[in-house]
Amino acid sequence: MDITITTENQSIVSDLLRAGSVVQHLEQQGVTILSVITRHGKPCIHIARHGYCDALIQAGKASYLYFNRHKGKQGVFDTDGCRVYWTESLH
């Protein structure tokens, strides 16, 4: 079987390798990975909230986005070309 890697496929493979590296780093911090998807050519890694997230917020390396009339918020940060996010609810 002859397999040809196109430019598009190479881009996806590159995205997945990058995401894999970020996932490994997060797992080493004890973070639970919920899912990995690609959005607009950028890997997006959904994680469970963890103390590591709080430390990033306090250090100014992550921020919150508010939604649903401020009833919920999502923590986000970008690293190595990937977006990492977690969701919190406000009650």
N, C-alpha and C. Protein backbone atom coordinates (compact mmCIF):
# COMPACT_ATOMS: atom_id res chain seq x y z
N MET A 1 0.85 -1.16 0.00
CA MET A 1 0.00 0.00 0.00
C MET A 1 0.90 1.23 0.00
N ASP A 2 0.64 2.14 -0.91
CA ASP A 2 1.40 3.39 -1.02
C ASP A 2 0.62 4.49 -0.31
N ILE A 3 1.21 5.07 0.71
CA ILE A 3 0.55 6.14 1.46
C ILE A 3 1.25 7.45 1.16
N THR A 4 0.47 8.41 0.71
CA THR A 4 1.01 9.73 0.42
C THR A 4 0.50 10.70 1.47
N ILE A 5 1.42 11.45 2.05
CA ILE A 5 1.04 12.44 3.05
C ILE A 5 0.92 13.78 2.35
N THR A 6 -0.30 14.30 2.33
CA THR A 6 -0.55 15.59 1.69
C THR A 6 -0.21 16.72 2.66
N THR A 7 -0.18 17.92 2.16
CA THR A 7 0.09 19.09 3.00
C THR A 7 -0.94 19.20 4.10
N GLU A 8 -2.23 18.96 3.75
CA GLU A 8 -3.29 19.05 4.75
C GLU A 8 -3.11 18.00 5.84
N ASN A 9 -2.78 16.77 5.42
CA ASN A 9 -2.57 15.71 6.40
C ASN A 9 -1.37 16.01 7.28
N GLN A 10 -0.31 16.53 6.68
CA GLN A 10 0.89 16.85 7.46
C GLN A 10 0.57 17.90 8.52
N SER A 11 -0.28 18.85 8.17
CA SER A 11 -0.67 19.89 9.12
C SER A 11 -1.43 19.28 10.30
N ILE A 12 -2.32 18.35 10.00
CA ILE A 12 -3.09 17.69 11.06
C ILE A 12 -2.17 16.84 11.94
N VAL A 13 -1.24 16.12 11.32
CA VAL A 13 -0.29 15.32 12.09
C VAL A 13 0.54 16.22 13.01
N SER A 14 0.97 17.36 12.50
CA SER A 14 1.73 18.32 13.29
C SER A 14 0.91 18.82 14.48
N ASP A 15 -0.38 19.14 14.23
CA ASP A 15 -1.27 19.59 15.31
C ASP A 15 -1.40 18.52 16.39
N LEU A 16 -1.56 17.27 15.97
CA LEU A 16 -1.74 16.18 16.93
C LEU A 16 -0.48 15.94 17.75
N LEU A 17 0.68 16.04 17.12
CA LEU A 17 1.94 15.87 17.85
C LEU A 17 2.12 16.97 18.89
N ARG A 18 1.78 18.20 18.49
CA ARG A 18 1.86 19.34 19.41
C ARG A 18 0.91 19.13 20.59
N ALA A 19 -0.32 18.73 20.28
CA ALA A 19 -1.32 18.49 21.33
C ALA A 19 -0.85 17.37 22.26
N GLY A 20 -0.26 16.33 21.69
CA GLY A 20 0.23 15.22 22.50
C GLY A 20 1.28 15.66 23.50
N SER A 21 2.16 16.54 23.07
CA SER A 21 3.20 17.07 23.95
C SER A 21 2.59 17.88 25.10
N VAL A 22 1.60 18.72 24.78
CA VAL A 22 0.94 19.53 25.81
C VAL A 22 0.17 18.63 26.77
N VAL A 23 -0.52 17.62 26.24
CA VAL A 23 -1.27 16.68 27.08
C VAL A 23 -0.32 15.98 28.06
N GLN A 24 0.83 15.55 27.58
CA GLN A 24 1.80 14.89 28.47
C GLN A 24 2.23 15.82 29.60
N HIS A 25 2.50 17.07 29.27
CA HIS A 25 2.90 18.04 30.29
C HIS A 25 1.78 18.23 31.32
N LEU A 26 0.55 18.37 30.84
CA LEU A 26 -0.58 18.55 31.75
C LEU A 26 -0.77 17.34 32.65
N GLU A 27 -0.63 16.14 32.08
CA GLU A 27 -0.77 14.92 32.88
C GLU A 27 0.31 14.85 33.96
N GLN A 28 1.51 15.32 33.65
CA GLN A 28 2.59 15.34 34.64
C GLN A 28 2.25 16.27 35.81
N GLN A 29 1.40 17.27 35.54
CA GLN A 29 0.96 18.19 36.60
C GLN A 29 -0.22 17.62 37.38
N GLY A 30 -0.72 16.45 36.96
CA GLY A 30 -1.86 15.82 37.63
C GLY A 30 -3.21 16.23 37.06
N VAL A 31 -3.21 16.93 35.93
CA VAL A 31 -4.45 17.42 35.31
C VAL A 31 -5.13 16.29 34.53
N THR A 32 -6.45 16.21 34.64
CA THR A 32 -7.24 15.23 33.88
C THR A 32 -7.64 15.83 32.54
N ILE A 33 -7.34 15.12 31.46
CA ILE A 33 -7.69 15.55 30.10
C ILE A 33 -9.07 14.99 29.77
N LEU A 34 -10.00 15.86 29.37
CA LEU A 34 -11.35 15.43 29.04
C LEU A 34 -11.53 15.18 27.54
N SER A 35 -10.91 16.02 26.70
CA SER A 35 -11.01 15.82 25.25
C SER A 35 -9.98 16.68 24.54
N VAL A 36 -9.71 16.30 23.30
CA VAL A 36 -8.83 17.08 22.43
C VAL A 36 -9.52 17.17 21.08
N ILE A 37 -9.70 18.40 20.59
CA ILE A 37 -10.28 18.63 19.27
C ILE A 37 -9.44 19.68 18.55
N THR A 38 -9.69 19.82 17.27
CA THR A 38 -9.03 20.88 16.51
C THR A 38 -10.10 21.86 16.06
N ARG A 39 -9.88 23.13 16.34
CA ARG A 39 -10.81 24.18 15.95
C ARG A 39 -10.04 25.22 15.15
N HIS A 40 -10.44 25.41 13.91
CA HIS A 40 -9.79 26.39 13.03
C HIS A 40 -8.28 26.14 12.96
N GLY A 41 -7.89 24.89 12.87
CA GLY A 41 -6.49 24.54 12.74
C GLY A 41 -5.68 24.65 14.02
N LYS A 42 -6.35 24.80 15.16
CA LYS A 42 -5.64 24.93 16.44
C LYS A 42 -6.14 23.85 17.40
N PRO A 43 -5.25 23.03 17.93
CA PRO A 43 -5.68 22.03 18.90
C PRO A 43 -6.26 22.70 20.15
N CYS A 44 -7.40 22.19 20.60
CA CYS A 44 -8.06 22.69 21.81
C CYS A 44 -8.19 21.52 22.78
N ILE A 45 -7.65 21.71 23.97
CA ILE A 45 -7.59 20.64 24.96
C ILE A 45 -8.50 21.02 26.13
N HIS A 46 -9.53 20.21 26.34
CA HIS A 46 -10.49 20.45 27.42
C HIS A 46 -10.01 19.66 28.64
N ILE A 47 -9.83 20.35 29.74
CA ILE A 47 -9.33 19.70 30.95
C ILE A 47 -10.32 19.88 32.10
N ALA A 48 -10.17 19.05 33.12
CA ALA A 48 -10.94 19.23 34.35
C ALA A 48 -10.23 20.29 35.19
N ARG A 49 -11.01 21.09 35.89
CA ARG A 49 -10.42 22.12 36.75
C ARG A 49 -9.50 21.46 37.77
N HIS A 50 -8.39 22.12 38.03
CA HIS A 50 -7.34 21.55 38.87
C HIS A 50 -6.60 22.70 39.55
N GLY A 51 -5.91 22.44 40.63
CA GLY A 51 -5.13 23.46 41.31
C GLY A 51 -4.10 24.12 40.39
N TYR A 52 -3.63 23.38 39.40
CA TYR A 52 -2.70 23.93 38.42
C TYR A 52 -3.34 25.12 37.69
N CYS A 53 -4.64 25.01 37.42
CA CYS A 53 -5.38 26.09 36.74
C CYS A 53 -5.38 27.34 37.62
N ASP A 54 -5.65 27.16 38.91
CA ASP A 54 -5.66 28.30 39.83
C ASP A 54 -4.30 28.99 39.86
N ALA A 55 -3.24 28.20 39.86
CA ALA A 55 -1.89 28.77 39.87
C ALA A 55 -1.63 29.59 38.61
N LEU A 56 -2.10 29.10 37.46
CA LEU A 56 -1.92 29.84 36.20
C LEU A 56 -2.71 31.14 36.21
N ILE A 57 -3.93 31.11 36.75
CA ILE A 57 -4.74 32.32 36.85
C ILE A 57 -4.02 33.34 37.73
N GLN A 58 -3.56 32.91 38.89
CA GLN A 58 -2.89 33.82 39.82
C GLN A 58 -1.60 34.39 39.25
N ALA A 59 -0.91 33.61 38.41
CA ALA A 59 0.34 34.07 37.81
C ALA A 59 0.10 34.93 36.57
N GLY A 60 -1.17 35.08 36.17
CA GLY A 60 -1.49 35.87 34.98
C GLY A 60 -1.21 35.14 33.68
N LYS A 61 -1.04 33.81 33.74
CA LYS A 61 -0.75 33.02 32.54
C LYS A 61 -2.01 32.40 31.95
N ALA A 62 -3.13 32.53 32.64
CA ALA A 62 -4.44 32.07 32.16
C ALA A 62 -5.44 33.15 32.53
N SER A 63 -6.58 33.12 31.86
CA SER A 63 -7.62 34.12 32.15
C SER A 63 -8.98 33.46 32.07
N TYR A 64 -10.00 34.21 32.49
CA TYR A 64 -11.37 33.72 32.43
C TYR A 64 -12.14 34.43 31.34
N LEU A 65 -13.00 33.68 30.67
CA LEU A 65 -14.00 34.22 29.75
C LEU A 65 -15.35 33.93 30.39
N TYR A 66 -16.20 34.94 30.46
CA TYR A 66 -17.52 34.78 31.08
C TYR A 66 -18.58 34.59 30.00
N PHE A 67 -19.58 33.78 30.29
CA PHE A 67 -20.65 33.53 29.32
C PHE A 67 -21.96 33.28 30.05
N ASN A 68 -23.04 33.20 29.28
CA ASN A 68 -24.38 32.93 29.81
C ASN A 68 -24.74 33.93 30.90
N ARG A 69 -24.58 35.21 30.55
CA ARG A 69 -24.89 36.31 31.47
C ARG A 69 -24.15 36.17 32.80
N HIS A 70 -22.90 35.83 32.70
CA HIS A 70 -22.00 35.68 33.85
C HIS A 70 -22.41 34.56 34.80
N LYS A 71 -23.17 33.58 34.30
CA LYS A 71 -23.52 32.42 35.13
C LYS A 71 -22.47 31.33 35.03
N GLY A 72 -21.60 31.45 34.06
CA GLY A 72 -20.54 30.47 33.88
C GLY A 72 -19.27 31.16 33.43
N LYS A 73 -18.18 30.49 33.62
CA LYS A 73 -16.92 31.03 33.13
C LYS A 73 -16.04 29.89 32.67
N GLN A 74 -15.15 30.25 31.78
CA GLN A 74 -14.23 29.29 31.20
C GLN A 74 -12.82 29.82 31.37
N GLY A 75 -11.96 29.03 31.97
CA GLY A 75 -10.56 29.39 32.07
C GLY A 75 -9.85 28.98 30.80
N VAL A 76 -8.94 29.81 30.33
CA VAL A 76 -8.21 29.50 29.09
C VAL A 76 -6.76 29.95 29.19
N PHE A 77 -5.91 29.22 28.48
CA PHE A 77 -4.55 29.68 28.23
C PHE A 77 -4.04 28.99 26.98
N ASP A 78 -3.10 29.63 26.33
CA ASP A 78 -2.49 29.09 25.12
C ASP A 78 -1.06 28.66 25.45
N THR A 79 -0.69 27.50 24.94
CA THR A 79 0.67 27.01 25.12
C THR A 79 1.06 26.14 23.94
N ASP A 80 2.23 26.36 23.42
CA ASP A 80 2.78 25.58 22.31
C ASP A 80 1.80 25.44 21.15
N GLY A 81 1.09 26.50 20.83
CA GLY A 81 0.16 26.49 19.71
C GLY A 81 -1.16 25.80 19.99
N CYS A 82 -1.42 25.47 21.24
CA CYS A 82 -2.68 24.82 21.63
C CYS A 82 -3.44 25.72 22.59
N ARG A 83 -4.76 25.63 22.54
CA ARG A 83 -5.60 26.31 23.52
C ARG A 83 -6.04 25.27 24.53
N VAL A 84 -5.86 25.60 25.80
CA VAL A 84 -6.27 24.71 26.89
C VAL A 84 -7.39 25.43 27.63
N TYR A 85 -8.47 24.71 27.93
CA TYR A 85 -9.60 25.37 28.61
C TYR A 85 -10.29 24.43 29.58
N TRP A 86 -10.94 25.04 30.57
CA TRP A 86 -11.76 24.32 31.53
C TRP A 86 -12.97 25.19 31.84
N THR A 87 -14.04 24.56 32.26
CA THR A 87 -15.29 25.27 32.52
C THR A 87 -15.61 25.24 34.00
N GLU A 88 -16.10 26.37 34.48
CA GLU A 88 -16.57 26.49 35.86
C GLU A 88 -17.95 27.12 35.83
N SER A 89 -18.78 26.78 36.81
CA SER A 89 -20.07 27.46 36.90
C SER A 89 -20.08 28.35 38.13
N LEU A 90 -20.83 29.41 38.02
CA LEU A 90 -20.97 30.35 39.13
C LEU A 90 -22.37 30.19 39.69
N HIS A 91 -22.47 29.93 40.96
CA HIS A 91 -23.80 29.78 41.58
C HIS A 91 -23.96 30.78 42.67
